[in-house]
Amino acid sequence: MANTNNKRRQRGSIPAPNGTGFQVRVYAGRDPLTKKDLYLHEQAETEVEAEKTRHPKKQVSVAFLLVRWLGVP
């Protein structure tokens, strides 16, 4: 019997082109105060770029993210 309890959230969606490219929508967690789902949006010119945006294959360190967030060189 198949396990029906495995309800993994999809990584995001790429709706049909809107004339200016592809709008990528990616789930970014839940707001701890409002308990609403948060989504990030980004525009891509081609479907290939949209897929890359939806499935990033990057690994960065916490130090790198802190330096980038704080704007310290």
C-alpha atoms as a PDB file:
ATOM      1  CA  MET A   1       0.000   0.000   0.000  1.00  0.00           C
ATOM      2  CA  ALA A   2       1.323   3.458  -0.885  1.00  0.00           C
ATOM      3  CA  ASN A   3       2.126   5.982   1.811  1.00  0.00           C
ATOM      4  CA  THR A   4      -0.462   8.762   1.419  1.00  0.00           C
ATOM      5  CA  ASN A   5       0.827  10.776   4.404  1.00  0.00           C
ATOM      6  CA  ASN A   6       3.813  12.132   2.455  1.00  0.00           C
ATOM      7  CA  LYS A   7       2.567  15.600   1.477  1.00  0.00           C
ATOM      8  CA  ARG A   8       5.704  17.402   0.343  1.00  0.00           C
ATOM      9  CA  ARG A   9       5.261  20.960  -0.796  1.00  0.00           C
ATOM     10  CA  GLN A  10       6.121  21.656  -4.408  1.00  0.00           C
ATOM     11  CA  ARG A  11       9.186  23.918  -4.867  1.00  0.00           C
ATOM     12  CA  GLY A  12       7.211  26.587  -6.624  1.00  0.00           C
ATOM     13  CA  SER A  13       5.304  27.313  -9.762  1.00  0.00           C
ATOM     14  CA  ILE A  14       5.939  28.877 -13.132  1.00  0.00           C
ATOM     15  CA  PRO A  15       2.677  30.086 -14.680  1.00  0.00           C
ATOM     16  CA  ALA A  16       2.314  30.565 -18.426  1.00  0.00           C
ATOM     17  CA  PRO A  17       4.327  33.425 -19.960  1.00  0.00           C
ATOM     18  CA  ASN A  18       2.789  36.851 -19.365  1.00  0.00           C
ATOM     19  CA  GLY A  19       4.246  38.635 -22.392  1.00  0.00           C
ATOM     20  CA  THR A  20       7.343  39.883 -20.548  1.00  0.00           C
ATOM     21  CA  GLY A  21       8.705  36.496 -19.535  1.00  0.00           C
ATOM     22  CA  PHE A  22       8.007  33.970 -16.815  1.00  0.00           C
ATOM     23  CA  GLN A  23       6.955  34.839 -13.258  1.00  0.00           C
ATOM     24  CA  VAL A  24       8.503  32.368 -10.794  1.00  0.00           C
ATOM     25  CA  ARG A  25       6.790  31.825  -7.431  1.00  0.00           C
ATOM     26  CA  VAL A  26       8.641  29.874  -4.703  1.00  0.00           C
ATOM     27  CA  TYR A  27       7.428  28.922  -1.231  1.00  0.00           C
ATOM     28  CA  ALA A  28       9.604  30.571   1.453  1.00  0.00           C
ATOM     29  CA  GLY A  29       8.128  29.258   4.696  1.00  0.00           C
ATOM     30  CA  ARG A  30       5.527  30.555   7.115  1.00  0.00           C
ATOM     31  CA  ASP A  31       5.252  33.889   8.838  1.00  0.00           C
ATOM     32  CA  PRO A  32       5.628  33.113  12.559  1.00  0.00           C
ATOM     33  CA  LEU A  33       3.173  35.846  13.572  1.00  0.00           C
ATOM     34  CA  THR A  34       0.381  35.568  11.032  1.00  0.00           C
ATOM     35  CA  LYS A  35       0.912  31.861  10.201  1.00  0.00           C
ATOM     36  CA  LYS A  36       0.429  32.722   6.519  1.00  0.00           C
ATOM     37  CA  ASP A  37       2.503  31.111   3.776  1.00  0.00           C
ATOM     38  CA  LEU A  38       5.250  33.341   2.349  1.00  0.00           C
ATOM     39  CA  TYR A  39       6.256  33.277  -1.306  1.00  0.00           C
ATOM     40  CA  LEU A  40       9.149  34.835  -3.201  1.00  0.00           C
ATOM     41  CA  HIS A  41       8.576  36.114  -6.739  1.00  0.00           C
ATOM     42  CA  GLU A  42      11.078  36.639  -9.521  1.00  0.00           C
ATOM     43  CA  GLN A  43      10.845  37.414 -13.224  1.00  0.00           C
ATOM     44  CA  ALA A  44      12.799  35.344 -15.790  1.00  0.00           C
ATOM     45  CA  GLU A  45      13.086  35.892 -19.538  1.00  0.00           C
ATOM     46  CA  THR A  46      13.184  32.220 -20.588  1.00  0.00           C
ATOM     47  CA  GLU A  47      11.701  29.018 -19.220  1.00  0.00           C
ATOM     48  CA  VAL A  48      15.219  27.618 -18.633  1.00  0.00           C
ATOM     49  CA  GLU A  49      16.119  30.632 -16.441  1.00  0.00           C
ATOM     50  CA  ALA A  50      12.810  30.236 -14.611  1.00  0.00           C
ATOM     51  CA  GLU A  51      13.575  26.592 -13.805  1.00  0.00           C
ATOM     52  CA  LYS A  52      17.037  27.552 -12.524  1.00  0.00           C
ATOM     53  CA  THR A  53      15.464  30.203 -10.307  1.00  0.00           C
ATOM     54  CA  ARG A  54      12.940  27.730  -8.967  1.00  0.00           C
ATOM     55  CA  HIS A  55      15.547  25.070  -8.198  1.00  0.00           C
ATOM     56  CA  PRO A  56      18.712  26.827  -7.035  1.00  0.00           C
ATOM     57  CA  LYS A  57      21.699  24.489  -6.733  1.00  0.00           C
ATOM     58  CA  LYS A  58      23.856  26.729  -4.604  1.00  0.00           C
ATOM     59  CA  GLN A  59      25.379  26.184  -1.208  1.00  0.00           C
ATOM     60  CA  VAL A  60      26.660  29.150   0.751  1.00  0.00           C
ATOM     61  CA  SER A  61      28.020  29.601   4.236  1.00  0.00           C
ATOM     62  CA  VAL A  62      26.299  31.544   6.993  1.00  0.00           C
ATOM     63  CA  ALA A  63      29.304  33.899   7.057  1.00  0.00           C
ATOM     64  CA  PHE A  64      28.814  34.722   3.369  1.00  0.00           C
ATOM     65  CA  LEU A  65      25.116  35.437   3.909  1.00  0.00           C
ATOM     66  CA  LEU A  66      25.832  37.668   6.921  1.00  0.00           C
ATOM     67  CA  VAL A  67      28.437  39.676   5.033  1.00  0.00           C
ATOM     68  CA  ARG A  68      26.051  40.102   2.117  1.00  0.00           C
ATOM     69  CA  TRP A  69      23.123  41.046   4.374  1.00  0.00           C
ATOM     70  CA  LEU A  70      25.145  43.541   6.390  1.00  0.00           C
ATOM     71  CA  GLY A  71      26.828  44.973   3.303  1.00  0.00           C
ATOM     72  CA  VAL A  72      30.291  44.643   4.821  1.00  0.00           C
ATOM     73  CA  PRO A  73      33.073  44.000   2.280  1.00  0.00           C
END
